[in-house]
Amino acid sequence: MRSRFSGFALKLGDYVRASWHPSTRPPTLNLDETPDWVTLRILDSSQNGDVGQVHFQAIYRLHPGWGYLQEYSQFVRENGHWYYLQGEPHEGILKPGRNELCPCGSGRKFKACCLCFR
């Protein structure tokens, strides 16, 4: 999952497609217009043999503010490689409180870091 997030963040469409299972892989993938992804939070994960699930939240910048994509993803391992099968995405606006950690990943409180994005 972290590898796929990095692929999306770096706009590496061929890499992301290669991590997709052939049975559900899109014929093309253009990441030129994707958001500015900044943080990945793994909320839960499980594995049963060669099948895995990951519940994650990916944070991206909106101008102004922040958005998120939250998904329950399904993965399968074949020939020693994990492949993304499908997911149930949900998007929304992220509204961090002033004393919460900034979504940018700096480790600083939001009020002292990215106020310019509010």
C-alpha atoms as a PDB file:
ATOM      1  CA  MET A   1       0.000   0.000   0.000  1.00  0.00           C
ATOM      2  CA  ARG A   2       2.775   2.440   0.870  1.00  0.00           C
ATOM      3  CA  SER A   3       4.460   1.647  -2.426  1.00  0.00           C
ATOM      4  CA  ARG A   4       1.260   2.401  -4.370  1.00  0.00           C
ATOM      5  CA  PHE A   5       0.805   5.664  -2.447  1.00  0.00           C
ATOM      6  CA  SER A   6       4.350   6.698  -3.408  1.00  0.00           C
ATOM      7  CA  GLY A   7       3.590   5.835  -7.024  1.00  0.00           C
ATOM      8  CA  PHE A   8       0.520   8.074  -6.970  1.00  0.00           C
ATOM      9  CA  ALA A   9       2.377  10.879  -5.150  1.00  0.00           C
ATOM     10  CA  LEU A  10       5.233  10.793  -7.685  1.00  0.00           C
ATOM     11  CA  LYS A  11       2.793  10.422 -10.604  1.00  0.00           C
ATOM     12  CA  LEU A  12       4.357   7.146 -11.761  1.00  0.00           C
ATOM     13  CA  GLY A  13       1.419   5.773 -13.736  1.00  0.00           C
ATOM     14  CA  ASP A  14       3.275   2.761 -15.162  1.00  0.00           C
ATOM     15  CA  TYR A  15       4.423   1.757 -11.673  1.00  0.00           C
ATOM     16  CA  VAL A  16       0.906   2.059 -10.221  1.00  0.00           C
ATOM     17  CA  ARG A  17      -0.548   0.037 -13.113  1.00  0.00           C
ATOM     18  CA  ALA A  18       2.082  -2.685 -12.575  1.00  0.00           C
ATOM     19  CA  SER A  19       0.959  -2.977  -8.916  1.00  0.00           C
ATOM     20  CA  TRP A  20      -2.651  -3.553 -10.065  1.00  0.00           C
ATOM     21  CA  HIS A  21      -3.906  -7.108 -10.559  1.00  0.00           C
ATOM     22  CA  PRO A  22      -4.333  -7.835 -14.307  1.00  0.00           C
ATOM     23  CA  SER A  23      -7.997  -8.791 -13.779  1.00  0.00           C
ATOM     24  CA  THR A  24      -8.907  -5.273 -12.549  1.00  0.00           C
ATOM     25  CA  ARG A  25      -6.074  -3.133 -14.016  1.00  0.00           C
ATOM     26  CA  PRO A  26      -7.264  -0.173 -16.107  1.00  0.00           C
ATOM     27  CA  PRO A  27      -6.009  -0.125 -19.716  1.00  0.00           C
ATOM     28  CA  THR A  28      -4.438   3.319 -19.173  1.00  0.00           C
ATOM     29  CA  LEU A  29      -3.737   5.525 -16.164  1.00  0.00           C
ATOM     30  CA  ASN A  30      -3.034   9.248 -16.421  1.00  0.00           C
ATOM     31  CA  LEU A  31      -1.887  10.767 -13.128  1.00  0.00           C
ATOM     32  CA  ASP A  32      -1.160  14.259 -14.472  1.00  0.00           C
ATOM     33  CA  GLU A  33      -4.270  15.766 -12.858  1.00  0.00           C
ATOM     34  CA  THR A  34      -4.118  13.915  -9.534  1.00  0.00           C
ATOM     35  CA  PRO A  35      -3.971  15.840  -6.259  1.00  0.00           C
ATOM     36  CA  ASP A  36      -0.818  16.779  -4.371  1.00  0.00           C
ATOM     37  CA  TRP A  37      -0.669  13.698  -2.084  1.00  0.00           C
ATOM     38  CA  VAL A  38       1.189  14.383   1.175  1.00  0.00           C
ATOM     39  CA  THR A  39       0.451  11.754   3.840  1.00  0.00           C
ATOM     40  CA  LEU A  40      -0.673   8.152   4.090  1.00  0.00           C
ATOM     41  CA  ARG A  41      -2.263   6.806   7.264  1.00  0.00           C
ATOM     42  CA  ILE A  42      -2.782   3.054   7.565  1.00  0.00           C
ATOM     43  CA  LEU A  43      -5.853   2.695   9.790  1.00  0.00           C
ATOM     44  CA  ASP A  44      -6.083  -1.111   9.794  1.00  0.00           C
ATOM     45  CA  SER A  45      -4.793  -4.110   7.888  1.00  0.00           C
ATOM     46  CA  SER A  46      -5.231  -7.862   7.888  1.00  0.00           C
ATOM     47  CA  GLN A  47      -3.927 -10.856   5.995  1.00  0.00           C
ATOM     48  CA  ASN A  48      -5.211 -14.372   5.545  1.00  0.00           C
ATOM     49  CA  GLY A  49      -2.733 -16.355   3.471  1.00  0.00           C
ATOM     50  CA  ASP A  50      -2.418 -14.732   0.050  1.00  0.00           C
ATOM     51  CA  VAL A  51      -5.314 -12.303   0.557  1.00  0.00           C
ATOM     52  CA  GLY A  52      -4.979  -8.993   2.372  1.00  0.00           C
ATOM     53  CA  GLN A  53      -7.054  -5.949   3.248  1.00  0.00           C
ATOM     54  CA  VAL A  54      -5.873  -2.438   4.042  1.00  0.00           C
ATOM     55  CA  HIS A  55      -7.993   0.400   5.418  1.00  0.00           C
ATOM     56  CA  PHE A  56      -6.147   3.659   4.758  1.00  0.00           C
ATOM     57  CA  GLN A  57      -6.565   7.408   4.584  1.00  0.00           C
ATOM     58  CA  ALA A  58      -4.491   9.392   2.075  1.00  0.00           C
ATOM     59  CA  ILE A  59      -4.291  13.153   2.668  1.00  0.00           C
ATOM     60  CA  TYR A  60      -3.897  15.660  -0.153  1.00  0.00           C
ATOM     61  CA  ARG A  61      -3.661  19.431  -0.453  1.00  0.00           C
ATOM     62  CA  LEU A  62      -6.583  21.479  -1.644  1.00  0.00           C
ATOM     63  CA  HIS A  63      -6.088  25.149  -2.291  1.00  0.00           C
ATOM     64  CA  PRO A  64      -7.101  26.241   0.245  1.00  0.00           C
ATOM     65  CA  GLY A  65      -7.193  23.405   2.762  1.00  0.00           C
ATOM     66  CA  TRP A  66      -6.951  19.632   2.818  1.00  0.00           C
ATOM     67  CA  GLY A  67      -8.849  16.664   1.442  1.00  0.00           C
ATOM     68  CA  TYR A  68      -8.703  12.953   2.020  1.00  0.00           C
ATOM     69  CA  LEU A  69      -9.366   9.673   0.272  1.00  0.00           C
ATOM     70  CA  GLN A  70     -10.278   6.833   2.596  1.00  0.00           C
ATOM     71  CA  GLU A  71     -10.535   3.306   1.267  1.00  0.00           C
ATOM     72  CA  TYR A  72     -10.891  -0.340   2.209  1.00  0.00           C
ATOM     73  CA  SER A  73      -8.574  -2.011  -0.323  1.00  0.00           C
ATOM     74  CA  GLN A  74      -8.249  -5.668  -1.232  1.00  0.00           C
ATOM     75  CA  PHE A  75      -4.926  -7.195  -2.278  1.00  0.00           C
ATOM     76  CA  VAL A  76      -3.834 -10.625  -3.469  1.00  0.00           C
ATOM     77  CA  ARG A  77      -0.351 -12.178  -3.495  1.00  0.00           C
ATOM     78  CA  GLU A  78       0.681 -14.080  -6.613  1.00  0.00           C
ATOM     79  CA  ASN A  79       4.181 -15.394  -7.333  1.00  0.00           C
ATOM     80  CA  GLY A  80       5.527 -13.509  -4.309  1.00  0.00           C
ATOM     81  CA  HIS A  81       4.114 -10.102  -5.362  1.00  0.00           C
ATOM     82  CA  TRP A  82       1.171  -8.236  -3.847  1.00  0.00           C
ATOM     83  CA  TYR A  83      -1.371  -6.791  -6.300  1.00  0.00           C
ATOM     84  CA  TYR A  84      -4.207  -4.346  -5.706  1.00  0.00           C
ATOM     85  CA  LEU A  85      -7.587  -5.864  -6.625  1.00  0.00           C
ATOM     86  CA  GLN A  86     -10.244  -3.306  -5.725  1.00  0.00           C
ATOM     87  CA  GLY A  87     -11.382  -0.848  -3.094  1.00  0.00           C
ATOM     88  CA  GLU A  88     -14.293   1.084  -1.651  1.00  0.00           C
ATOM     89  CA  PRO A  89     -13.198   4.753  -1.743  1.00  0.00           C
ATOM     90  CA  HIS A  90     -14.725   7.693   0.077  1.00  0.00           C
ATOM     91  CA  GLU A  91     -13.489  11.288  -0.290  1.00  0.00           C
ATOM     92  CA  GLY A  92     -14.004  14.290   1.934  1.00  0.00           C
ATOM     93  CA  ILE A  93     -12.678  17.576   3.244  1.00  0.00           C
ATOM     94  CA  LEU A  94     -10.209  17.342   6.143  1.00  0.00           C
ATOM     95  CA  LYS A  95     -10.592  20.056   8.777  1.00  0.00           C
ATOM     96  CA  PRO A  96      -7.787  19.737  11.337  1.00  0.00           C
ATOM     97  CA  GLY A  97      -8.182  21.527  14.659  1.00  0.00           C
ATOM     98  CA  ARG A  98      -5.703  24.226  15.603  1.00  0.00           C
ATOM     99  CA  ASN A  99      -3.975  21.991  18.187  1.00  0.00           C
ATOM    100  CA  GLU A 100      -3.906  18.825  16.070  1.00  0.00           C
ATOM    101  CA  LEU A 101      -0.785  17.760  14.192  1.00  0.00           C
ATOM    102  CA  CYS A 102      -0.541  19.302  10.751  1.00  0.00           C
ATOM    103  CA  PRO A 103      -1.591  16.945   7.927  1.00  0.00           C
ATOM    104  CA  CYS A 104       1.558  17.844   5.990  1.00  0.00           C
ATOM    105  CA  GLY A 105       3.551  15.451   8.188  1.00  0.00           C
ATOM    106  CA  SER A 106       5.857  18.079   9.687  1.00  0.00           C
ATOM    107  CA  GLY A 107       5.093  16.955  13.251  1.00  0.00           C
ATOM    108  CA  ARG A 108       4.143  20.531  14.180  1.00  0.00           C
ATOM    109  CA  LYS A 109       0.744  21.649  15.403  1.00  0.00           C
ATOM    110  CA  PHE A 110      -1.546  22.814  12.599  1.00  0.00           C
ATOM    111  CA  LYS A 111      -1.867  26.337  14.039  1.00  0.00           C
ATOM    112  CA  ALA A 112       1.914  26.816  13.801  1.00  0.00           C
ATOM    113  CA  CYS A 113       2.477  25.151  10.464  1.00  0.00           C
ATOM    114  CA  CYS A 114       0.056  25.355   7.563  1.00  0.00           C
ATOM    115  CA  LEU A 115      -2.338  28.137   8.492  1.00  0.00           C
ATOM    116  CA  CYS A 116      -1.879  29.511   4.985  1.00  0.00           C
ATOM    117  CA  PHE A 117      -3.874  26.540   3.643  1.00  0.00           C
ATOM    118  CA  ARG A 118      -6.951  27.106   5.821  1.00  0.00           C
END
